[in-house]
Amino acid sequence: MKGAGVEMNKIYYLVILYLVLINLAGFAIMGIDKKRAKADKRRIKEKTLFLIAIMGGSIGSVVGMRYFHHKTKHKSFVLGMPFLIILQVLIITFLYNL
């Protein structure tokens, strides 16, 4: 059974790495879209911004929203992104306690 513990550790590290990377992507994509908005260039679709958040990048997306002052007047983002954080924390807590 010792080998099973090592495999679980690898899975946890991979999950943590994934979450770090997807949250960095969420943060970056908010900055990129803000820069494009200011330059009047082609924007990133709101669906894409939410997709990154749904895939686990909600914390990075919210931090990016606040840092870049982007999408802060859109109710769907102001309410939706924090809701996704709460939902994801609940899901992770549930899965961790299985």
Protein backbone atom coordinates (compact mmCIF):
# COMPACT_ATOMS: atom_id res chain seq x y z
CA MET A 1 0.00 0.00 0.00
CA LYS A 2 2.98 2.31 0.31
CA GLY A 3 3.00 2.77 -3.48
CA ALA A 4 -0.62 3.96 -3.46
CA GLY A 5 0.31 6.85 -1.14
CA VAL A 6 3.10 7.92 -3.46
CA GLU A 7 0.70 7.88 -6.42
CA MET A 8 -1.83 10.01 -4.51
CA ASN A 9 0.92 12.52 -3.70
CA LYS A 10 1.71 12.79 -7.41
CA ILE A 11 -1.96 13.38 -8.18
CA TYR A 12 -2.20 16.10 -5.51
CA TYR A 13 0.90 17.84 -6.88
CA LEU A 14 -0.47 17.67 -10.42
CA VAL A 15 -3.81 19.10 -9.28
CA ILE A 16 -2.05 21.92 -7.42
CA LEU A 17 0.15 22.64 -10.44
CA TYR A 18 -2.92 22.69 -12.68
CA LEU A 19 -4.75 25.09 -10.34
CA VAL A 20 -1.75 27.42 -10.16
CA LEU A 21 -1.42 27.50 -13.95
CA ILE A 22 -5.14 27.94 -14.68
CA ASN A 23 -5.35 30.76 -12.13
CA LEU A 24 -2.34 32.47 -13.68
CA ALA A 25 -4.14 32.13 -17.01
CA GLY A 26 -7.31 33.64 -15.49
CA PHE A 27 -5.34 36.59 -14.16
CA ALA A 28 -3.44 37.09 -17.42
CA ILE A 29 -6.49 36.84 -19.66
CA MET A 30 -8.20 39.64 -17.70
CA GLY A 31 -5.15 41.84 -18.21
CA ILE A 32 -4.93 40.98 -21.89
CA ASP A 33 -8.61 41.74 -22.45
CA LYS A 34 -8.33 45.04 -20.56
CA LYS A 35 -5.34 46.04 -22.69
CA ARG A 36 -7.26 45.15 -25.86
CA ALA A 37 -10.28 47.13 -24.66
CA LYS A 38 -8.16 50.23 -24.12
CA ALA A 39 -6.52 49.84 -27.53
CA ASP A 40 -9.93 49.29 -29.20
CA LYS A 41 -8.73 45.92 -30.54
CA ARG A 42 -10.50 42.59 -30.89
CA ARG A 43 -11.70 41.45 -27.47
CA ILE A 44 -11.68 38.10 -25.73
CA LYS A 45 -15.21 36.67 -25.60
CA GLU A 46 -16.93 36.74 -22.22
CA LYS A 47 -17.62 33.03 -22.70
CA THR A 48 -13.86 32.44 -22.81
CA LEU A 49 -13.27 34.50 -19.68
CA PHE A 50 -15.91 32.47 -17.84
CA LEU A 51 -14.60 29.19 -19.28
CA ILE A 52 -11.16 29.81 -17.78
CA ALA A 53 -12.84 30.55 -14.43
CA ILE A 54 -15.05 27.45 -14.62
CA MET A 55 -12.02 25.30 -15.41
CA GLY A 56 -10.57 26.28 -12.02
CA GLY A 57 -9.20 29.75 -12.67
CA SER A 58 -11.86 31.66 -10.78
CA ILE A 59 -9.53 33.04 -8.10
CA GLY A 60 -7.05 34.30 -10.69
CA SER A 61 -9.90 35.78 -12.71
CA VAL A 62 -11.30 37.67 -9.72
CA VAL A 63 -7.86 38.92 -8.73
CA GLY A 64 -7.33 40.00 -12.36
CA MET A 65 -10.71 41.75 -12.41
CA ARG A 66 -9.77 43.75 -9.33
CA TYR A 67 -6.15 44.39 -10.28
CA PHE A 68 -6.90 45.55 -13.84
CA HIS A 69 -10.29 47.12 -12.93
CA HIS A 70 -11.83 45.04 -15.68
CA LYS A 71 -15.45 43.86 -15.95
CA THR A 72 -16.15 45.36 -12.52
CA LYS A 73 -19.37 47.00 -13.73
CA HIS A 74 -20.79 43.81 -15.23
CA LYS A 75 -23.13 42.06 -12.78
CA SER A 76 -22.51 38.70 -14.42
CA PHE A 77 -18.82 39.00 -13.54
CA VAL A 78 -19.14 40.76 -10.17
CA LEU A 79 -21.58 38.10 -8.93
CA GLY A 80 -20.65 35.15 -11.14
CA MET A 81 -16.93 34.95 -10.49
CA PRO A 82 -17.18 34.93 -6.67
CA PHE A 83 -20.00 32.38 -6.98
CA LEU A 84 -17.66 30.15 -8.97
CA ILE A 85 -14.99 30.45 -6.26
CA ILE A 86 -17.47 29.36 -3.60
CA LEU A 87 -18.74 26.51 -5.77
CA GLN A 88 -15.22 25.30 -6.55
CA VAL A 89 -14.17 25.44 -2.88
CA LEU A 90 -17.23 23.37 -1.98
CA ILE A 91 -16.48 20.83 -4.71
CA ILE A 92 -12.82 20.54 -3.69
CA THR A 93 -13.80 20.18 -0.02
CA PHE A 94 -16.31 17.48 -0.88
CA LEU A 95 -13.83 15.55 -3.05
CA TYR A 96 -11.09 15.88 -0.46
CA ASN A 97 -13.35 14.38 2.20
CA LEU A 98 -14.35 11.33 0.15
